[in-house]
Amino acid sequence: VAWLLQAGVERAAVRLRSDPSYTGETWTIAPGRLGVPDPAEVAISVTPDPDRPSSRIAQIDARLAPGTRNQARLSHTYNIDAETPVRFRPEGDSE
């Protein structure tokens, strides 16, 4: 599900660059569209970063097969800066 989380943060970054007032969405992906038989859902919530005016805080919640007993879920919070490309790092990785 990490790849779905990555797609969500990249989607948020692209949307923010084209529309600075973007606050998020629920992105629903049909079964089979991602090469897997299950549907997927990515909830994206974007808020201003009170400490850095050029940044936004993006909360990403990625779910594969949502609502089923086989659901896989991963969530993470990212800082997205308007001037810096997004670099995805899975949990536990460090620079």
Protein backbone atom coordinates (compact mmCIF):
# COMPACT_ATOMS: atom_id res chain seq x y z
CA VAL A 1 0.00 0.00 0.00
CA ALA A 2 3.06 2.26 0.24
CA TRP A 3 2.89 2.86 -3.52
CA LEU A 4 -0.71 4.06 -3.11
CA LEU A 5 0.38 6.42 -0.32
CA GLN A 6 3.13 7.73 -2.60
CA ALA A 7 0.63 8.33 -5.40
CA GLY A 8 -1.55 10.28 -2.96
CA VAL A 9 1.20 12.64 -1.81
CA GLU A 10 2.35 13.18 -5.38
CA ARG A 11 -1.23 13.93 -6.44
CA ALA A 12 -1.57 16.44 -3.58
CA ALA A 13 1.69 18.16 -4.56
CA VAL A 14 0.67 18.45 -8.22
CA ARG A 15 -2.77 19.78 -7.31
CA LEU A 16 -1.29 22.34 -4.90
CA ARG A 17 1.09 23.63 -7.53
CA SER A 18 -1.77 24.19 -9.99
CA ASP A 19 -4.26 25.41 -7.36
CA PRO A 20 -2.83 26.87 -4.11
CA SER A 21 -6.32 26.79 -2.55
CA TYR A 22 -6.59 22.97 -2.93
CA THR A 23 -7.75 21.44 0.37
CA GLY A 24 -7.94 17.78 -0.58
CA GLU A 25 -10.25 15.13 -1.93
CA THR A 26 -11.17 11.49 -1.75
CA TRP A 27 -9.66 9.80 -4.78
CA THR A 28 -11.53 6.59 -5.64
CA ILE A 29 -9.82 4.12 -7.95
CA ALA A 30 -11.90 1.45 -9.72
CA PRO A 31 -11.06 -2.26 -9.42
CA GLY A 32 -8.52 -3.37 -12.00
CA ARG A 33 -7.33 0.15 -12.78
CA LEU A 34 -4.09 -0.25 -10.81
CA GLY A 35 -3.34 -3.76 -11.99
CA VAL A 36 -4.93 -5.33 -8.92
CA PRO A 37 -8.46 -6.74 -8.69
CA ASP A 38 -9.46 -4.59 -5.71
CA PRO A 39 -10.68 -1.01 -5.58
CA ALA A 40 -8.60 1.60 -3.77
CA GLU A 41 -9.28 4.89 -2.04
CA VAL A 42 -6.94 7.71 -1.07
CA ALA A 43 -8.21 10.42 1.28
CA ILE A 44 -6.18 13.61 1.01
CA SER A 45 -6.56 16.50 3.47
CA VAL A 46 -4.46 19.63 3.01
CA THR A 47 -4.15 22.44 5.57
CA PRO A 48 -1.84 25.45 5.93
CA ASP A 49 1.35 24.94 7.93
CA PRO A 50 1.18 27.54 10.73
CA ASP A 51 4.98 27.59 11.07
CA ARG A 52 5.84 27.95 7.36
CA PRO A 53 3.59 30.10 5.16
CA SER A 54 4.89 28.56 1.91
CA SER A 55 4.11 25.01 3.13
CA ARG A 56 1.02 22.89 3.45
CA ILE A 57 0.42 19.87 5.66
CA ALA A 58 -1.01 16.92 3.74
CA GLN A 59 -2.59 14.04 5.61
CA ILE A 60 -2.79 11.02 3.30
CA ASP A 61 -4.82 7.90 4.11
CA ALA A 62 -4.45 5.14 1.49
CA ARG A 63 -6.66 2.06 1.50
CA LEU A 64 -6.58 -0.94 -0.79
CA ALA A 65 -9.81 -2.98 -0.82
CA PRO A 66 -11.56 -0.49 1.53
CA GLY A 67 -14.45 -1.85 3.55
CA THR A 68 -13.47 -5.48 3.11
CA ARG A 69 -11.86 -7.88 5.53
CA ASN A 70 -8.77 -7.82 3.29
CA GLN A 71 -8.37 -4.06 3.57
CA ALA A 72 -4.81 -2.76 3.73
CA ARG A 73 -4.34 0.78 5.04
CA LEU A 74 -1.44 3.16 5.46
CA SER A 75 -1.52 6.80 6.61
CA HIS A 76 1.11 9.48 6.86
CA THR A 77 1.43 13.25 7.24
CA TYR A 78 3.69 15.20 4.89
CA ASN A 79 4.88 18.79 4.61
CA ILE A 80 4.61 20.00 1.03
CA ASP A 81 6.55 23.11 0.17
CA ALA A 82 5.52 25.04 -2.93
CA GLU A 83 9.14 25.36 -3.98
CA THR A 84 10.52 21.91 -3.19
CA PRO A 85 9.76 18.69 -5.07
CA VAL A 86 8.07 15.98 -3.01
CA ARG A 87 10.36 13.13 -2.04
CA PHE A 88 8.56 10.10 -0.74
CA ARG A 89 10.20 8.11 2.05
CA PRO A 90 8.45 5.00 3.39
CA GLU A 91 8.06 4.64 7.14
CA GLY A 92 11.33 3.95 8.88
CA ASP A 93 13.55 5.35 6.14
CA SER A 94 15.68 8.36 6.92
CA GLU A 95 17.95 10.68 5.01
